[in-house]
Amino acid sequence: RRVLAGEPCFPRRNRRAAAPVNPFDSLSRRELEVLRGLLQGRPARAVAAQLGITDKSVGTYRRRILDKLKVSSNAEAISLALRFGFS
């Protein structure tokens, strides 16, 4: 009846801006481990040795991380991490 009368049938939503979604939630456990190492400024070889994976794997994870975070460099990832309080 309300729709036919031209009245709204859903309650009004709060018009405030929604809190930004944390982009780090989309990363896997291993991607988070690699990211932590890279954000600490450690070279890929050191991250690989700590995690027991190859340098090439670190590079692959890095590319996936940057793609998921929608950034193009480690510097942008660091900036994003600071904004979202990632540690």
N, C-alpha and C. Protein backbone atom coordinates (compact mmCIF):
# COMPACT_ATOMS: atom_id res chain seq x y z
N ARG A 1 0.82 -1.20 0.00
CA ARG A 1 0.00 0.00 0.00
C ARG A 1 0.86 1.26 0.00
N ARG A 2 1.94 1.20 0.79
CA ARG A 2 2.79 2.38 0.88
C ARG A 2 3.46 2.66 -0.46
N VAL A 3 3.90 1.61 -1.15
CA VAL A 3 4.55 1.78 -2.44
C VAL A 3 3.57 2.37 -3.44
N LEU A 4 2.37 1.85 -3.49
CA LEU A 4 1.35 2.36 -4.40
C LEU A 4 1.00 3.81 -4.10
N ALA A 5 1.10 4.19 -2.85
CA ALA A 5 0.80 5.57 -2.46
C ALA A 5 2.00 6.49 -2.69
N GLY A 6 3.14 5.90 -3.14
CA GLY A 6 4.33 6.72 -3.41
C GLY A 6 5.14 7.03 -2.17
N GLU A 7 4.88 6.32 -1.10
CA GLU A 7 5.61 6.54 0.14
C GLU A 7 6.82 5.61 0.21
N PRO A 8 7.84 6.02 0.93
CA PRO A 8 8.99 5.13 1.09
C PRO A 8 8.61 3.93 1.94
N CYS A 9 9.15 2.77 1.58
CA CYS A 9 8.81 1.57 2.34
C CYS A 9 9.99 1.03 3.14
N PHE A 10 11.14 1.66 3.01
CA PHE A 10 12.31 1.27 3.78
C PHE A 10 12.72 2.42 4.67
N PRO A 11 13.23 2.11 5.86
CA PRO A 11 13.66 3.21 6.74
C PRO A 11 14.85 3.94 6.13
N ARG A 12 14.96 5.20 6.45
CA ARG A 12 16.08 6.00 5.95
C ARG A 12 17.38 5.48 6.56
N ARG A 13 18.38 5.44 5.73
CA ARG A 13 19.70 5.03 6.20
C ARG A 13 20.39 6.23 6.81
N ASN A 14 21.29 5.92 7.70
CA ASN A 14 22.12 6.96 8.26
C ASN A 14 22.95 7.55 7.13
N ARG A 15 22.93 8.81 6.96
CA ARG A 15 23.60 9.47 5.84
C ARG A 15 25.10 9.68 6.07
N ARG A 16 25.61 9.31 7.23
CA ARG A 16 27.04 9.48 7.48
C ARG A 16 27.85 8.56 6.58
N ALA A 17 29.05 8.99 6.30
CA ALA A 17 29.93 8.17 5.46
C ALA A 17 30.30 6.90 6.21
N ALA A 18 30.29 5.80 5.50
CA ALA A 18 30.65 4.53 6.10
C ALA A 18 32.15 4.50 6.37
N ALA A 19 32.53 3.79 7.41
CA ALA A 19 33.95 3.65 7.72
C ALA A 19 34.63 2.90 6.57
N PRO A 20 35.83 3.30 6.22
CA PRO A 20 36.51 2.62 5.11
C PRO A 20 36.78 1.16 5.45
N VAL A 21 36.66 0.33 4.46
CA VAL A 21 36.91 -1.09 4.63
C VAL A 21 38.42 -1.29 4.73
N ASN A 22 38.84 -2.12 5.66
CA ASN A 22 40.26 -2.38 5.84
C ASN A 22 40.75 -3.28 4.71
N PRO A 23 41.60 -2.77 3.82
CA PRO A 23 42.05 -3.57 2.68
C PRO A 23 42.94 -4.75 3.10
N PHE A 24 43.49 -4.70 4.29
CA PHE A 24 44.37 -5.77 4.76
C PHE A 24 43.59 -7.03 5.12
N ASP A 25 42.27 -6.89 5.29
CA ASP A 25 41.42 -8.05 5.60
C ASP A 25 41.38 -9.04 4.44
N SER A 26 41.69 -8.59 3.24
CA SER A 26 41.63 -9.46 2.07
C SER A 26 42.89 -10.30 1.87
N LEU A 27 43.92 -10.04 2.67
CA LEU A 27 45.19 -10.75 2.50
C LEU A 27 45.18 -12.08 3.25
N SER A 28 45.85 -13.07 2.66
CA SER A 28 45.98 -14.37 3.31
C SER A 28 47.01 -14.28 4.44
N ARG A 29 47.07 -15.32 5.25
CA ARG A 29 48.03 -15.36 6.35
C ARG A 29 49.46 -15.22 5.82
N ARG A 30 49.80 -15.94 4.79
CA ARG A 30 51.16 -15.90 4.22
C ARG A 30 51.45 -14.52 3.61
N GLU A 31 50.46 -13.93 2.94
CA GLU A 31 50.65 -12.60 2.38
C GLU A 31 50.92 -11.59 3.50
N LEU A 32 50.24 -11.73 4.62
CA LEU A 32 50.48 -10.84 5.75
C LEU A 32 51.89 -11.01 6.31
N GLU A 33 52.36 -12.26 6.37
CA GLU A 33 53.72 -12.52 6.85
C GLU A 33 54.75 -11.86 5.93
N VAL A 34 54.57 -12.03 4.63
CA VAL A 34 55.49 -11.42 3.66
C VAL A 34 55.42 -9.90 3.78
N LEU A 35 54.22 -9.36 3.86
CA LEU A 35 54.06 -7.91 3.95
C LEU A 35 54.75 -7.35 5.19
N ARG A 36 54.60 -8.01 6.32
CA ARG A 36 55.27 -7.53 7.54
C ARG A 36 56.78 -7.43 7.33
N GLY A 37 57.35 -8.46 6.72
CA GLY A 37 58.78 -8.43 6.45
C GLY A 37 59.18 -7.30 5.53
N LEU A 38 58.43 -7.10 4.48
CA LEU A 38 58.75 -6.04 3.53
C LEU A 38 58.56 -4.65 4.14
N LEU A 39 57.53 -4.51 4.98
CA LEU A 39 57.28 -3.21 5.62
C LEU A 39 58.37 -2.87 6.63
N GLN A 40 59.05 -3.87 7.13
CA GLN A 40 60.17 -3.64 8.04
C GLN A 40 61.44 -3.27 7.28
N GLY A 41 61.35 -3.23 5.95
CA GLY A 41 62.48 -2.84 5.12
C GLY A 41 63.47 -3.95 4.86
N ARG A 42 63.08 -5.17 5.16
CA ARG A 42 63.99 -6.29 4.95
C ARG A 42 63.98 -6.68 3.47
N PRO A 43 65.13 -7.09 2.95
CA PRO A 43 65.18 -7.52 1.55
C PRO A 43 64.41 -8.83 1.35
N ALA A 44 63.98 -9.04 0.13
CA ALA A 44 63.19 -10.23 -0.20
C ALA A 44 63.92 -11.51 0.20
N ARG A 45 65.23 -11.53 0.03
CA ARG A 45 66.01 -12.73 0.38
C ARG A 45 65.89 -13.03 1.88
N ALA A 46 65.92 -12.00 2.72
CA ALA A 46 65.81 -12.19 4.17
C ALA A 46 64.41 -12.66 4.55
N VAL A 47 63.40 -12.07 3.91
CA VAL A 47 62.01 -12.48 4.17
C VAL A 47 61.84 -13.94 3.77
N ALA A 48 62.38 -14.30 2.62
CA ALA A 48 62.28 -15.67 2.13
C ALA A 48 62.94 -16.65 3.09
N ALA A 49 64.12 -16.30 3.58
CA ALA A 49 64.85 -17.18 4.50
C ALA A 49 64.07 -17.37 5.80
N GLN A 50 63.50 -16.29 6.31
CA GLN A 50 62.74 -16.37 7.56
C GLN A 50 61.51 -17.25 7.40
N LEU A 51 60.85 -17.15 6.26
CA LEU A 51 59.60 -17.89 6.05
C LEU A 51 59.81 -19.27 5.43
N GLY A 52 61.05 -19.56 5.03
CA GLY A 52 61.33 -20.87 4.44
C GLY A 52 60.75 -21.02 3.04
N ILE A 53 60.76 -19.93 2.28
CA ILE A 53 60.28 -19.95 0.89
C ILE A 53 61.36 -19.36 0.00
N THR A 54 61.16 -19.39 -1.30
CA THR A 54 62.15 -18.86 -2.23
C THR A 54 61.97 -17.36 -2.44
N ASP A 55 63.04 -16.74 -2.94
CA ASP A 55 62.97 -15.32 -3.29
C ASP A 55 61.86 -15.06 -4.31
N LYS A 56 61.73 -15.98 -5.24
CA LYS A 56 60.71 -15.83 -6.29
C LYS A 56 59.31 -15.85 -5.68
N SER A 57 59.12 -16.70 -4.67
CA SER A 57 57.82 -16.75 -4.00
C SER A 57 57.51 -15.43 -3.31
N VAL A 58 58.52 -14.84 -2.69
CA VAL A 58 58.32 -13.53 -2.05
C VAL A 58 57.89 -12.51 -3.10
N GLY A 59 58.52 -12.54 -4.27
CA GLY A 59 58.14 -11.64 -5.35
C GLY A 59 56.70 -11.86 -5.81
N THR A 60 56.30 -13.12 -5.87
CA THR A 60 54.92 -13.44 -6.27
C THR A 60 53.93 -12.93 -5.22
N TYR A 61 54.24 -13.19 -3.95
CA TYR A 61 53.37 -12.71 -2.88
C TYR A 61 53.31 -11.18 -2.88
N ARG A 62 54.45 -10.54 -3.10
CA ARG A 62 54.49 -9.08 -3.13
C ARG A 62 53.55 -8.54 -4.22
N ARG A 63 53.60 -9.14 -5.40
CA ARG A 63 52.74 -8.69 -6.50
C ARG A 63 51.27 -8.87 -6.13
N ARG A 64 50.94 -10.01 -5.54
CA ARG A 64 49.55 -10.26 -5.13
C ARG A 64 49.10 -9.25 -4.08
N ILE A 65 49.99 -8.97 -3.13
CA ILE A 65 49.68 -8.02 -2.07
C ILE A 65 49.39 -6.65 -2.67
N LEU A 66 50.28 -6.18 -3.53
CA LEU A 66 50.09 -4.86 -4.14
C LEU A 66 48.81 -4.82 -4.95
N ASP A 67 48.50 -5.90 -5.67
CA ASP A 67 47.26 -5.96 -6.45
C ASP A 67 46.03 -5.88 -5.53
N LYS A 68 46.05 -6.66 -4.46
CA LYS A 68 44.90 -6.68 -3.55
C LYS A 68 44.72 -5.34 -2.83
N LEU A 69 45.83 -4.70 -2.52
CA LEU A 69 45.75 -3.40 -1.84
C LEU A 69 45.51 -2.26 -2.82
N LYS A 70 45.59 -2.57 -4.11
CA LYS A 70 45.39 -1.58 -5.18
C LYS A 70 46.42 -0.44 -5.08
N VAL A 71 47.69 -0.85 -4.87
CA VAL A 71 48.80 0.10 -4.86
C VAL A 71 49.86 -0.42 -5.83
N SER A 72 50.83 0.43 -6.16
CA SER A 72 51.81 0.01 -7.16
C SER A 72 53.24 -0.06 -6.64
N SER A 73 53.45 0.23 -5.36
CA SER A 73 54.82 0.17 -4.83
C SER A 73 54.80 -0.14 -3.35
N ASN A 74 55.97 -0.54 -2.84
CA ASN A 74 56.11 -0.77 -1.40
C ASN A 74 55.82 0.51 -0.63
N ALA A 75 56.25 1.65 -1.16
CA ALA A 75 56.02 2.94 -0.49
C ALA A 75 54.53 3.21 -0.32
N GLU A 76 53.75 2.93 -1.34
CA GLU A 76 52.30 3.12 -1.24
C GLU A 76 51.70 2.14 -0.23
N ALA A 77 52.22 0.92 -0.20
CA ALA A 77 51.74 -0.07 0.78
C ALA A 77 52.04 0.39 2.19
N ILE A 78 53.23 0.99 2.40
CA ILE A 78 53.60 1.51 3.71
C ILE A 78 52.66 2.63 4.12
N SER A 79 52.39 3.52 3.19
CA SER A 79 51.46 4.63 3.46
C SER A 79 50.08 4.12 3.85
N LEU A 80 49.61 3.12 3.12
CA LEU A 80 48.30 2.53 3.42
C LEU A 80 48.32 1.85 4.79
N ALA A 81 49.41 1.16 5.08
CA ALA A 81 49.55 0.47 6.37
C ALA A 81 49.49 1.48 7.52
N LEU A 82 50.13 2.61 7.34
CA LEU A 82 50.10 3.64 8.38
C LEU A 82 48.70 4.20 8.57
N ARG A 83 47.99 4.40 7.47
CA ARG A 83 46.64 4.94 7.54
C ARG A 83 45.68 4.01 8.28
N PHE A 84 45.87 2.69 8.10
CA PHE A 84 44.97 1.71 8.70
C PHE A 84 45.53 1.11 9.99
N GLY A 85 46.68 1.59 10.43
CA GLY A 85 47.25 1.11 11.67
C GLY A 85 47.72 -0.33 11.59
N PHE A 86 48.11 -0.77 10.41
CA PHE A 86 48.58 -2.15 10.23
C PHE A 86 49.95 -2.30 10.86
N SER A 87 50.14 -3.41 11.57
CA SER A 87 51.47 -3.65 12.15
C SER A 87 51.88 -5.08 11.97
